[in-house]
């Protein structure tokens, strides 16, 4: 099953500061609630489970993909940053294929996890 979702939030911080934060998946556990380190180059996300992560830059300072590859999900998390006034609109986009069908509640739990990430990112940077 394909799971595709987009969430956005505003952070009162310059895009370069936000980009520095999202380009380092090893640091996600420090600001993304529920995400844990799971060995070298691996993270455990609340709904995706354990995955290997690799960063691919699409447009330096603006957009990047975090490829995720695990036993339950493969695909990517995408971060897109848009300058807005004194801050940044942050788009968190999930595009993964899962080994099992996700019920609507699970999709909502994943989106809630992404929303919590955006809120704590805001707290971390402001």
Protein backbone atom coordinates (compact mmCIF):
# COMPACT_ATOMS: atom_id res chain seq x y z
CA UNK A 1 0.00 0.00 0.00
CA UNK A 2 1.20 3.50 -0.74
CA UNK A 3 1.00 6.08 2.02
CA UNK A 4 1.32 9.68 0.89
CA UNK A 5 0.72 12.62 3.20
CA UNK A 6 1.76 16.23 3.47
CA UNK A 7 1.94 18.39 6.56
CA UNK A 8 3.15 21.94 6.94
CA UNK A 9 4.03 24.38 9.64
CA UNK A 10 5.60 27.78 10.14
CA UNK A 11 8.88 28.21 12.00
CA UNK A 12 10.15 31.63 13.03
CA UNK A 13 13.69 30.80 11.91
CA UNK A 14 15.66 31.35 8.72
CA UNK A 15 15.46 28.58 6.11
CA UNK A 16 19.19 27.82 6.45
CA UNK A 17 18.72 27.01 10.17
CA UNK A 18 15.75 24.74 9.41
CA UNK A 19 17.65 23.06 6.57
CA UNK A 20 20.61 22.38 8.86
CA UNK A 21 18.25 20.63 11.28
CA UNK A 22 16.43 18.40 8.75
CA UNK A 23 19.51 17.42 6.73
CA UNK A 24 20.88 15.39 9.67
CA UNK A 25 18.60 12.41 10.34
CA UNK A 26 20.95 11.15 13.09
CA UNK A 27 19.81 14.20 15.11
CA UNK A 28 16.06 13.58 14.60
CA UNK A 29 15.70 11.80 17.97
CA UNK A 30 16.76 15.05 19.67
CA UNK A 31 13.73 16.95 18.35
CA UNK A 32 11.23 14.51 16.80
CA UNK A 33 9.15 12.89 19.58
CA UNK A 34 9.05 9.11 19.34
CA UNK A 35 11.95 8.76 16.88
CA UNK A 36 14.87 6.73 18.21
CA UNK A 37 18.31 5.84 16.95
CA UNK A 38 18.46 2.21 15.86
CA UNK A 39 22.15 1.75 15.01
CA UNK A 40 24.46 3.41 12.52
CA UNK A 41 22.43 5.03 9.71
CA UNK A 42 19.17 3.68 11.12
CA UNK A 43 16.20 5.21 12.88
CA UNK A 44 13.00 3.85 14.36
CA UNK A 45 9.95 5.98 13.55
CA UNK A 46 6.69 5.55 15.48
CA UNK A 47 4.66 4.18 12.57
CA UNK A 48 7.29 3.30 9.95
CA UNK A 49 9.27 1.15 12.36
CA UNK A 50 13.01 0.57 11.94
CA UNK A 51 14.48 1.94 8.72
CA UNK A 52 17.84 2.70 7.17
CA UNK A 53 18.05 6.38 6.25
CA UNK A 54 20.00 8.11 3.49
CA UNK A 55 19.77 11.81 2.61
CA UNK A 56 19.49 12.97 -1.00
CA UNK A 57 19.69 16.69 -1.69
CA UNK A 58 17.24 17.88 -4.34
CA UNK A 59 17.96 21.63 -4.07
CA UNK A 60 20.58 22.60 -1.52
CA UNK A 61 19.08 24.69 1.24
CA UNK A 62 15.54 24.23 -0.08
CA UNK A 63 14.56 20.59 -0.53
CA UNK A 64 15.85 17.17 0.42
CA UNK A 65 14.70 13.58 0.58
CA UNK A 66 15.37 11.20 3.42
CA UNK A 67 15.15 7.76 1.85
CA UNK A 68 13.78 5.17 4.26
CA UNK A 69 14.19 1.45 3.74
CA UNK A 70 12.97 -1.05 6.29
CA UNK A 71 11.08 -4.31 6.65
CA UNK A 72 7.70 -2.53 6.87
CA UNK A 73 8.17 0.60 4.75
CA UNK A 74 10.25 1.86 1.83
CA UNK A 75 10.17 5.30 0.25
CA UNK A 76 11.07 8.74 1.47
CA UNK A 77 10.33 11.64 3.74
CA UNK A 78 10.69 14.91 1.90
CA UNK A 79 11.42 18.29 3.44
CA UNK A 80 10.64 21.41 1.43
CA UNK A 81 11.40 24.85 2.85
CA UNK A 82 9.80 28.07 1.70
CA UNK A 83 10.96 31.44 3.06
CA UNK A 84 8.08 33.50 4.42
CA UNK A 85 8.54 36.90 6.05
CA UNK A 86 10.91 36.40 9.03
CA UNK A 87 10.64 32.62 9.01
CA UNK A 88 10.11 29.46 7.01
CA UNK A 89 7.12 27.41 5.94
CA UNK A 90 8.19 23.79 6.37
CA UNK A 91 6.53 21.06 4.33
CA UNK A 92 6.96 17.51 5.60
CA UNK A 93 5.93 15.04 2.92
CA UNK A 94 5.69 11.29 3.39
CA UNK A 95 5.70 8.98 0.38
CA UNK A 96 6.22 5.34 1.32
CA UNK A 97 5.11 1.89 0.26
CA UNK A 98 4.18 -0.36 3.14
CA UNK A 99 4.16 -4.14 3.31
CA UNK A 100 0.65 -4.14 4.78
CA UNK A 101 -2.38 -1.98 4.29
CA UNK A 102 -2.53 0.87 6.80
CA UNK A 103 -5.90 1.55 8.34
CA UNK A 104 -6.99 5.20 8.34
CA UNK A 105 -6.17 5.46 12.07
CA UNK A 106 -2.57 4.44 11.44
CA UNK A 107 -2.22 7.05 8.71
CA UNK A 108 -3.59 9.62 11.18
CA UNK A 109 -1.09 8.47 13.83
CA UNK A 110 1.75 8.93 11.33
CA UNK A 111 0.48 12.39 10.40
CA UNK A 112 0.20 13.23 14.11
CA UNK A 113 3.82 12.15 14.53
CA UNK A 114 4.87 14.44 11.67
CA UNK A 115 2.82 17.27 13.19
CA UNK A 116 4.52 16.77 16.57
CA UNK A 117 7.86 16.89 14.75
CA UNK A 118 6.96 20.22 13.16
CA UNK A 119 5.83 21.64 16.51
CA UNK A 120 8.95 20.53 18.37
CA UNK A 121 11.11 21.75 15.48
CA UNK A 122 9.46 25.12 16.01
CA UNK A 123 10.20 24.99 19.76
CA UNK A 124 13.77 23.87 19.09
CA UNK A 125 14.56 26.69 16.64
CA UNK A 126 12.61 29.64 18.01
